[in-house]
Amino acid sequence: RAGAHDALDELHEVGRLAGGATAQRWGDLAEAH
């Protein structure tokens, strides 16, 4: 809506990292310790 189409690819890169096992493990470890 804002015309920020150039940001979509970067956002999906963030999304795949956030939804991946590695980053989720970082969150688990930081929370557990």
Full PDB file with SEQRES, HELIX, SHEET, SSBOND, CRYST1, ORIGX, SCALE, CONECT and MASTER records, all heavy atoms in Angstrom:
SEQRES   1 A   33  ARG ALA GLY ALA HIS ASP ALA LEU ASP GLU LEU HIS GLU          
SEQRES   2 A   33  VAL GLY ARG LEU ALA GLY GLY ALA THR ALA GLN ARG TRP          
SEQRES   3 A   33  GLY ASP LEU ALA GLU ALA HIS                                  
HELIX    1 AA1 HIS A    5  ALA A    7  5                                   3    
HELIX    2 AA2 LEU A    8  ALA A   18  1                                  11    
HELIX    3 AA3 ALA A   21  ALA A   32  1                                  12    
CRYST1    1.000    1.000    1.000  90.00  90.00  90.00 P 1           1          
ORIGX1      1.000000  0.000000  0.000000        0.00000                         
ORIGX2      0.000000  1.000000  0.000000        0.00000                         
ORIGX3      0.000000  0.000000  1.000000        0.00000                         
SCALE1      1.000000  0.000000  0.000000        0.00000                         
SCALE2      0.000000  1.000000  0.000000        0.00000                         
SCALE3      0.000000  0.000000  1.000000        0.00000                         
ATOM      1  N   ARG A   1       0.827  -1.208   0.000  1.00  0.00           N  
ATOM      2  CA  ARG A   1       0.000   0.000   0.000  1.00  0.00           C  
ATOM      3  C   ARG A   1       0.857   1.252   0.000  1.00  0.00           C  
ATOM      4  O   ARG A   1       0.508   2.267  -0.610  1.00  0.00           O  
ATOM      5  CB  ARG A   1      -0.896  -0.045   1.240  1.00  0.00           C  
ATOM      6  CG  ARG A   1      -2.111   0.824   1.181  1.00  0.00           C  
ATOM      7  CD  ARG A   1      -3.162   0.365   2.173  1.00  0.00           C  
ATOM      8  NE  ARG A   1      -2.691   0.203   3.528  1.00  0.00           N  
ATOM      9  CZ  ARG A   1      -2.705  -0.947   4.194  1.00  0.00           C  
ATOM     10  NH1 ARG A   1      -3.131  -2.051   3.612  1.00  0.00           N  
ATOM     11  NH2 ARG A   1      -2.271  -1.016   5.437  1.00  0.00           N  
ATOM     12  N   ALA A   2       2.010   1.197   0.689  1.00  0.00           N  
ATOM     13  CA  ALA A   2       2.907   2.345   0.770  1.00  0.00           C  
ATOM     14  C   ALA A   2       3.844   2.445  -0.439  1.00  0.00           C  
ATOM     15  O   ALA A   2       4.622   3.394  -0.531  1.00  0.00           O  
ATOM     16  CB  ALA A   2       3.734   2.267   2.052  1.00  0.00           C  
ATOM     17  N   GLY A   3       3.773   1.462  -1.319  1.00  0.00           N  
ATOM     18  CA  GLY A   3       4.676   1.465  -2.461  1.00  0.00           C  
ATOM     19  C   GLY A   3       6.066   0.976  -2.126  1.00  0.00           C  
ATOM     20  O   GLY A   3       7.008   1.210  -2.898  1.00  0.00           O  
ATOM     21  N   ALA A   4       6.221   0.270  -1.005  1.00  0.00           N  
ATOM     22  CA  ALA A   4       7.539  -0.218  -0.572  1.00  0.00           C  
ATOM     23  C   ALA A   4       7.806  -1.617  -1.117  1.00  0.00           C  
ATOM     24  O   ALA A   4       8.225  -2.523  -0.394  1.00  0.00           O  
ATOM     25  CB  ALA A   4       7.618  -0.208   0.951  1.00  0.00           C  
ATOM     26  N   HIS A   5       7.580  -1.793  -2.402  1.00  0.00           N  
ATOM     27  CA  HIS A   5       7.752  -3.114  -3.012  1.00  0.00           C  
ATOM     28  C   HIS A   5       9.205  -3.569  -2.955  1.00  0.00           C  
ATOM     29  O   HIS A   5       9.482  -4.774  -2.925  1.00  0.00           O  
ATOM     30  CB  HIS A   5       7.265  -3.075  -4.464  1.00  0.00           C  
ATOM     31  CG  HIS A   5       5.863  -2.587  -4.618  1.00  0.00           C  
ATOM     32  ND1 HIS A   5       4.771  -3.377  -4.315  1.00  0.00           N  
ATOM     33  CD2 HIS A   5       5.363  -1.387  -5.024  1.00  0.00           C  
ATOM     34  CE1 HIS A   5       3.651  -2.694  -4.535  1.00  0.00           C  
ATOM     35  NE2 HIS A   5       3.983  -1.481  -4.963  1.00  0.00           N  
ATOM     36  N   ASP A   6      10.126  -2.592  -2.922  1.00  0.00           N  
ATOM     37  CA  ASP A   6      11.547  -2.936  -2.909  1.00  0.00           C  
ATOM     38  C   ASP A   6      11.964  -3.622  -1.611  1.00  0.00           C  
ATOM     39  O   ASP A   6      13.057  -4.195  -1.542  1.00  0.00           O  
ATOM     40  CB  ASP A   6      12.400  -1.685  -3.121  1.00  0.00           C  
ATOM     41  CG  ASP A   6      12.092  -0.586  -2.123  1.00  0.00           C  
ATOM     42  OD1 ASP A   6      10.950  -0.542  -1.617  1.00  0.00           O  
ATOM     43  OD2 ASP A   6      12.976   0.246  -1.845  1.00  0.00           O  
ATOM     44  N   ALA A   7      11.123  -3.561  -0.573  1.00  0.00           N  
ATOM     45  CA  ALA A   7      11.469  -4.150   0.719  1.00  0.00           C  
ATOM     46  C   ALA A   7      10.973  -5.584   0.867  1.00  0.00           C  
ATOM     47  O   ALA A   7      11.312  -6.253   1.846  1.00  0.00           O  
ATOM     48  CB  ALA A   7      10.895  -3.299   1.849  1.00  0.00           C  
ATOM     49  N   LEU A   8      10.182  -6.078  -0.074  1.00  0.00           N  
ATOM     50  CA  LEU A   8       9.542  -7.377   0.106  1.00  0.00           C  
ATOM     51  C   LEU A   8      10.548  -8.519   0.124  1.00  0.00           C  
ATOM     52  O   LEU A   8      10.436  -9.442   0.939  1.00  0.00           O  
ATOM     53  CB  LEU A   8       8.494  -7.593  -0.991  1.00  0.00           C  
ATOM     54  CG  LEU A   8       7.273  -6.661  -0.926  1.00  0.00           C  
ATOM     55  CD1 LEU A   8       6.358  -6.914  -2.115  1.00  0.00           C  
ATOM     56  CD2 LEU A   8       6.509  -6.854   0.374  1.00  0.00           C  
ATOM     57  N   ASP A   9      11.534  -8.480  -0.768  1.00  0.00           N  
ATOM     58  CA  ASP A   9      12.519  -9.558  -0.789  1.00  0.00           C  
ATOM     59  C   ASP A   9      13.289  -9.626   0.531  1.00  0.00           C  
ATOM     60  O   ASP A   9      13.510 -10.714   1.081  1.00  0.00           O  
ATOM     61  CB  ASP A   9      13.489  -9.366  -1.957  1.00  0.00           C  
ATOM     62  CG  ASP A   9      12.845  -9.663  -3.304  1.00  0.00           C  
ATOM     63  OD1 ASP A   9      11.771 -10.296  -3.322  1.00  0.00           O  
ATOM     64  OD2 ASP A   9      13.415  -9.250  -4.336  1.00  0.00           O  
ATOM     65  N   GLU A  10      13.703  -8.458   1.031  1.00  0.00           N  
ATOM     66  CA  GLU A  10      14.432  -8.430   2.301  1.00  0.00           C  
ATOM     67  C   GLU A  10      13.549  -8.934   3.437  1.00  0.00           C  
ATOM     68  O   GLU A  10      14.015  -9.676   4.323  1.00  0.00           O  
ATOM     69  CB  GLU A  10      14.919  -7.022   2.598  1.00  0.00           C  
ATOM     70  CG  GLU A  10      15.740  -6.922   3.881  1.00  0.00           C  
ATOM     71  CD  GLU A  10      16.119  -5.501   4.246  1.00  0.00           C  
ATOM     72  OE1 GLU A  10      15.665  -4.566   3.565  1.00  0.00           O  
ATOM     73  OE2 GLU A  10      16.871  -5.341   5.225  1.00  0.00           O  
ATOM     74  N   LEU A  11      12.288  -8.551   3.424  1.00  0.00           N  
ATOM     75  CA  LEU A  11      11.376  -8.989   4.480  1.00  0.00           C  
ATOM     76  C   LEU A  11      11.226 -10.506   4.474  1.00  0.00           C  
ATOM     77  O   LEU A  11      11.214 -11.142   5.536  1.00  0.00           O  
ATOM     78  CB  LEU A  11      10.009  -8.323   4.324  1.00  0.00           C  
ATOM     79  CG  LEU A  11       8.990  -8.671   5.410  1.00  0.00           C  
ATOM     80  CD1 LEU A  11       9.440  -8.146   6.762  1.00  0.00           C  
ATOM     81  CD2 LEU A  11       7.608  -8.129   5.066  1.00  0.00           C  
ATOM     82  N   HIS A  12      11.142 -11.101   3.311  1.00  0.00           N  
ATOM     83  CA  HIS A  12      11.019 -12.558   3.244  1.00  0.00           C  
ATOM     84  C   HIS A  12      12.305 -13.246   3.699  1.00  0.00           C  
ATOM     85  O   HIS A  12      12.258 -14.346   4.272  1.00  0.00           O  
ATOM     86  CB  HIS A  12      10.624 -12.993   1.835  1.00  0.00           C  
ATOM     87  CG  HIS A  12       9.178 -12.757   1.516  1.00  0.00           C  
ATOM     88  ND1 HIS A  12       8.157 -13.401   2.178  1.00  0.00           N  
ATOM     89  CD2 HIS A  12       8.580 -11.923   0.623  1.00  0.00           C  
ATOM     90  CE1 HIS A  12       6.984 -12.998   1.705  1.00  0.00           C  
ATOM     91  NE2 HIS A  12       7.209 -12.102   0.758  1.00  0.00           N  
ATOM     92  N   GLU A  13      13.452 -12.613   3.481  1.00  0.00           N  
ATOM     93  CA  GLU A  13      14.699 -13.156   4.021  1.00  0.00           C  
ATOM     94  C   GLU A  13      14.646 -13.176   5.545  1.00  0.00           C  
ATOM     95  O   GLU A  13      15.036 -14.160   6.187  1.00  0.00           O  
ATOM     96  CB  GLU A  13      15.887 -12.322   3.550  1.00  0.00           C  
ATOM     97  CG  GLU A  13      16.235 -12.486   2.075  1.00  0.00           C  
ATOM     98  CD  GLU A  13      17.417 -11.634   1.683  1.00  0.00           C  
ATOM     99  OE1 GLU A  13      18.132 -11.147   2.590  1.00  0.00           O  
ATOM    100  OE2 GLU A  13      17.633 -11.433   0.474  1.00  0.00           O  
ATOM    101  N   VAL A  14      14.162 -12.076   6.128  1.00  0.00           N  
ATOM    102  CA  VAL A  14      13.987 -12.021   7.579  1.00  0.00           C  
ATOM    103  C   VAL A  14      13.005 -13.098   8.025  1.00  0.00           C  
ATOM    104  O   VAL A  14      13.223 -13.786   9.032  1.00  0.00           O  
ATOM    105  CB  VAL A  14      13.497 -10.624   8.012  1.00  0.00           C  
ATOM    106  CG1 VAL A  14      13.203 -10.595   9.513  1.00  0.00           C  
ATOM    107  CG2 VAL A  14      14.519  -9.552   7.657  1.00  0.00           C  
ATOM    108  N   GLY A  15      11.936 -13.269   7.259  1.00  0.00           N  
ATOM    109  CA  GLY A  15      10.920 -14.245   7.620  1.00  0.00           C  
ATOM    110  C   GLY A  15      11.426 -15.666   7.607  1.00  0.00           C  
ATOM    111  O   GLY A  15      11.095 -16.458   8.505  1.00  0.00           O  
ATOM    112  N   ARG A  16      12.221 -15.995   6.610  1.00  0.00           N  
ATOM    113  CA  ARG A  16      12.758 -17.361   6.547  1.00  0.00           C  
ATOM    114  C   ARG A  16      13.754 -17.625   7.676  1.00  0.00           C  
ATOM    115  O   ARG A  16      13.804 -18.733   8.220  1.00  0.00           O  
ATOM    116  CB  ARG A  16      13.397 -17.605   5.180  1.00  0.00           C  
ATOM    117  CG  ARG A  16      12.364 -17.763   4.057  1.00  0.00           C  
ATOM    118  CD  ARG A  16      13.017 -18.182   2.758  1.00  0.00           C  
ATOM    119  NE  ARG A  16      13.776 -17.098   2.161  1.00  0.00           N  
ATOM    120  CZ  ARG A  16      13.274 -16.189   1.324  1.00  0.00           C  
ATOM    121  NH1 ARG A  16      11.989 -16.219   0.997  1.00  0.00           N  
ATOM    122  NH2 ARG A  16      14.039 -15.248   0.802  1.00  0.00           N  
ATOM    123  N   LEU A  17      14.520 -16.602   8.030  1.00  0.00           N  
ATOM    124  CA  LEU A  17      15.436 -16.761   9.157  1.00  0.00           C  
ATOM    125  C   LEU A  17      14.656 -16.903  10.460  1.00  0.00           C  
ATOM    126  O   LEU A  17      14.945 -17.781  11.286  1.00  0.00           O  
ATOM    127  CB  LEU A  17      16.396 -15.575   9.227  1.00  0.00           C  
ATOM    128  CG  LEU A  17      17.440 -15.610  10.346  1.00  0.00           C  
ATOM    129  CD1 LEU A  17      18.326 -16.851  10.218  1.00  0.00           C  
ATOM    130  CD2 LEU A  17      18.295 -14.346  10.323  1.00  0.00           C  
ATOM    131  N   ALA A  18      13.645 -16.045  10.665  1.00  0.00           N  
ATOM    132  CA  ALA A  18      12.854 -16.092  11.896  1.00  0.00           C  
ATOM    133  C   ALA A  18      12.092 -17.401  12.036  1.00  0.00           C  
ATOM    134  O   ALA A  18      11.893 -17.900  13.146  1.00  0.00           O  
ATOM    135  CB  ALA A  18      11.881 -14.907  11.939  1.00  0.00           C  
ATOM    136  N   GLY A  19      11.667 -17.971  10.916  1.00  0.00           N  
ATOM    137  CA  GLY A  19      10.923 -19.220  10.956  1.00  0.00           C  
ATOM    138  C   GLY A  19      11.799 -20.452  10.931  1.00  0.00           C  
ATOM    139  O   GLY A  19      11.290 -21.581  10.987  1.00  0.00           O  
ATOM    140  N   GLY A  20      13.115 -20.254  10.885  1.00  0.00           N  
ATOM    141  CA  GLY A  20      14.043 -21.373  10.796  1.00  0.00           C  
ATOM    142  C   GLY A  20      14.490 -21.893  12.146  1.00  0.00           C  
ATOM    143  O   GLY A  20      14.378 -21.227  13.175  1.00  0.00           O  
ATOM    144  N   ALA A  21      15.043 -23.088  12.126  1.00  0.00           N  
ATOM    145  CA  ALA A  21      15.431 -23.757  13.369  1.00  0.00           C  
ATOM    146  C   ALA A  21      16.577 -23.044  14.077  1.00  0.00           C  
ATOM    147  O   ALA A  21      16.619 -22.998  15.316  1.00  0.00           O  
ATOM    148  CB  ALA A  21      15.828 -25.204  13.064  1.00  0.00           C  
ATOM    149  N   THR A  22      17.506 -22.461  13.319  1.00  0.00           N  
ATOM    150  CA  THR A  22      18.677 -21.832  13.941  1.00  0.00           C  
ATOM    151  C   THR A  22      18.274 -20.647  14.803  1.00  0.00           C  
ATOM    152  O   THR A  22      18.666 -20.547  15.977  1.00  0.00           O  
ATOM    153  CB  THR A  22      19.680 -21.383  12.864  1.00  0.00           C  
ATOM    154  OG1 THR A  22      20.137 -22.533  12.139  1.00  0.00           O  
ATOM    155  CG2 THR A  22      20.869 -20.687  13.505  1.00  0.00           C  
ATOM    156  N   ALA A  23      17.510 -19.735  14.239  1.00  0.00           N  
ATOM    157  CA  ALA A  23      17.109 -18.547  14.999  1.00  0.00           C  
ATOM    158  C   ALA A  23      16.185 -18.909  16.149  1.00  0.00           C  
ATOM    159  O   ALA A  23      16.261 -18.319  17.240  1.00  0.00           O  
ATOM    160  CB  ALA A  23      16.436 -17.539  14.076  1.00  0.00           C  
ATOM    161  N   GLN A  24      15.315 -19.874  15.942  1.00  0.00           N  
ATOM    162  CA  GLN A  24      14.440 -20.302  17.032  1.00  0.00           C  
ATOM    163  C   GLN A  24      15.262 -20.874  18.181  1.00  0.00           C  
ATOM    164  O   GLN A  24      14.937 -20.669  19.354  1.00  0.00           O  
ATOM    165  CB  GLN A  24      13.426 -21.318  16.529  1.00  0.00           C  
ATOM    166  CG  GLN A  24      12.370 -20.719  15.613  1.00  0.00           C  
ATOM    167  CD  GLN A  24      11.264 -21.697  15.258  1.00  0.00           C  
ATOM    168  OE1 GLN A  24      11.103 -22.744  15.899  1.00  0.00           O  
ATOM    169  NE2 GLN A  24      10.489 -21.373  14.244  1.00  0.00           N  
ATOM    170  N   ARG A  25      16.339 -21.563  17.839  1.00  0.00           N  
ATOM    171  CA  ARG A  25      17.218 -22.102  18.877  1.00  0.00           C  
ATOM    172  C   ARG A  25      17.916 -20.984  19.632  1.00  0.00           C  
ATOM    173  O   ARG A  25      18.083 -21.064  20.852  1.00  0.00           O  
ATOM    174  CB  ARG A  25      18.238 -23.046  18.234  1.00  0.00           C  
ATOM    175  CG  ARG A  25      19.206 -23.695  19.214  1.00  0.00           C  
ATOM    176  CD  ARG A  25      18.499 -24.548  20.237  1.00  0.00           C  
ATOM    177  NE  ARG A  25      19.435 -25.273  21.087  1.00  0.00           N  
ATOM    178  CZ  ARG A  25      19.111 -25.784  22.262  1.00  0.00           C  
ATOM    179  NH1 ARG A  25      17.879 -25.679  22.735  1.00  0.00           N  
ATOM    180  NH2 ARG A  25      20.015 -26.432  22.985  1.00  0.00           N  
ATOM    181  N   TRP A  26      18.337 -19.945  18.931  1.00  0.00           N  
ATOM    182  CA  TRP A  26      18.927 -18.782  19.617  1.00  0.00           C  
ATOM    183  C   TRP A  26      17.947 -18.239  20.659  1.00  0.00           C  
ATOM    184  O   TRP A  26      18.332 -17.951  21.795  1.00  0.00           O  
ATOM    185  CB  TRP A  26      19.247 -17.676  18.616  1.00  0.00           C  
ATOM    186  CG  TRP A  26      20.356 -17.964  17.672  1.00  0.00           C  
ATOM    187  CD1 TRP A  26      21.328 -18.921  17.789  1.00  0.00           C  
ATOM    188  CD2 TRP A  26      20.626 -17.281  16.434  1.00  0.00           C  
ATOM    189  NE1 TRP A  26      22.179 -18.870  16.711  1.00  0.00           N  
ATOM    190  CE2 TRP A  26      21.775 -17.872  15.870  1.00  0.00           C  
ATOM    191  CE3 TRP A  26      20.008 -16.227  15.771  1.00  0.00           C  
ATOM    192  CZ2 TRP A  26      22.310 -17.446  14.650  1.00  0.00           C  
ATOM    193  CZ3 TRP A  26      20.527 -15.786  14.559  1.00  0.00           C  
ATOM    194  CH2 TRP A  26      21.673 -16.397  14.009  1.00  0.00           C  
ATOM    195  N   GLY A  27      16.703 -18.079  20.258  1.00  0.00           N  
ATOM    196  CA  GLY A  27      15.707 -17.563  21.191  1.00  0.00           C  
ATOM    197  C   GLY A  27      15.505 -18.463  22.386  1.00  0.00           C  
ATOM    198  O   GLY A  27      15.385 -17.995  23.527  1.00  0.00           O  
ATOM    199  N   ASP A  28      15.480 -19.772  22.142  1.00  0.00           N  
ATOM    200  CA  ASP A  28      15.313 -20.725  23.243  1.00  0.00           C  
ATOM    201  C   ASP A  28      16.476 -20.641  24.230  1.00  0.00           C  
ATOM    202  O   ASP A  28      16.280 -20.657  25.451  1.00  0.00           O  
ATOM    203  CB  ASP A  28      15.212 -22.145  22.691  1.00  0.00           C  
ATOM    204  CG  ASP A  28      13.922 -22.392  21.926  1.00  0.00           C  
ATOM    205  OD1 ASP A  28      12.983 -21.592  22.067  1.00  0.00           O  
ATOM    206  OD2 ASP A  28      13.864 -23.391  21.173  1.00  0.00           O  
ATOM    207  N   LEU A  29      17.698 -20.564  23.702  1.00  0.00           N  
ATOM    208  CA  LEU A  29      18.876 -20.529  24.576  1.00  0.00           C  
ATOM    209  C   LEU A  29      18.935 -19.227  25.372  1.00  0.00           C  
ATOM    210  O   LEU A  29      19.259 -19.232  26.573  1.00  0.00           O  
ATOM    211  CB  LEU A  29      20.145 -20.696  23.740  1.00  0.00           C  
ATOM    212  CG  LEU A  29      20.384 -22.096  23.152  1.00  0.00           C  
ATOM    213  CD1 LEU A  29      21.551 -22.070  22.180  1.00  0.00           C  
ATOM    214  CD2 LEU A  29      20.636 -23.110  24.263  1.00  0.00           C  
ATOM    215  N   ALA A  30      18.651 -18.113  24.722  1.00  0.00           N  
ATOM    216  CA  ALA A  30      18.686 -16.826  25.421  1.00  0.00           C  
ATOM    217  C   ALA A  30      17.639 -16.766  26.530  1.00  0.00           C  
ATOM    218  O   ALA A  30      17.870 -16.171  27.587  1.00  0.00           O  
ATOM    219  CB  ALA A  30      18.472 -15.683  24.425  1.00  0.00           C  
ATOM    220  N   GLU A  31      16.504 -17.392  26.289  1.00  0.00           N  
ATOM    221  CA  GLU A  31      15.442 -17.432  27.294  1.00  0.00           C  
ATOM    222  C   GLU A  31      15.794 -18.384  28.435  1.00  0.00           C  
ATOM    223  O   GLU A  31      15.528 -18.089  29.607  1.00  0.00           O  
ATOM    224  CB  GLU A  31      14.137 -17.881  26.623  1.00  0.00           C  
ATOM    225  CG  GLU A  31      12.963 -18.121  27.548  1.00  0.00           C  
ATOM    226  CD  GLU A  31      12.288 -16.846  28.022  1.00  0.00           C  
ATOM    227  OE1 GLU A  31      12.666 -15.766  27.551  1.00  0.00           O  
ATOM    228  OE2 GLU A  31      11.373 -16.950  28.858  1.00  0.00           O  
ATOM    229  N   ALA A  32      16.389 -19.523  28.092  1.00  0.00           N  
ATOM    230  CA  ALA A  32      16.682 -20.552  29.099  1.00  0.00           C  
ATOM    231  C   ALA A  32      17.860 -20.189  29.988  1.00  0.00           C  
ATOM    232  O   ALA A  32      17.969 -20.701  31.108  1.00  0.00           O  
ATOM    233  CB  ALA A  32      16.947 -21.894  28.413  1.00  0.00           C  
ATOM    234  N   HIS A  33      18.748 -19.313  29.503  1.00  0.00           N  
ATOM    235  CA  HIS A  33      19.936 -18.934  30.267  1.00  0.00           C  
ATOM    236  C   HIS A  33      19.929 -17.425  30.503  1.00  0.00           C  
ATOM    237  O   HIS A  33      20.573 -16.670  29.764  1.00  0.00           O  
ATOM    238  CB  HIS A  33      21.208 -19.361  29.515  1.00  0.00           C  
ATOM    239  CG  HIS A  33      21.237 -20.817  29.188  1.00  0.00           C  
ATOM    240  ND1 HIS A  33      21.440 -21.316  27.918  1.00  0.00           N  
ATOM    241  CD2 HIS A  33      21.052 -21.902  29.983  1.00  0.00           C  
ATOM    242  CE1 HIS A  33      21.399 -22.628  27.945  1.00  0.00           C  
ATOM    243  NE2 HIS A  33      21.164 -23.013  29.185  1.00  0.00           N  
TER     244      HIS A  33                                                      
MASTER        0    0    0    3    0    0    0    6  243    1    0    3          
END                                                                             
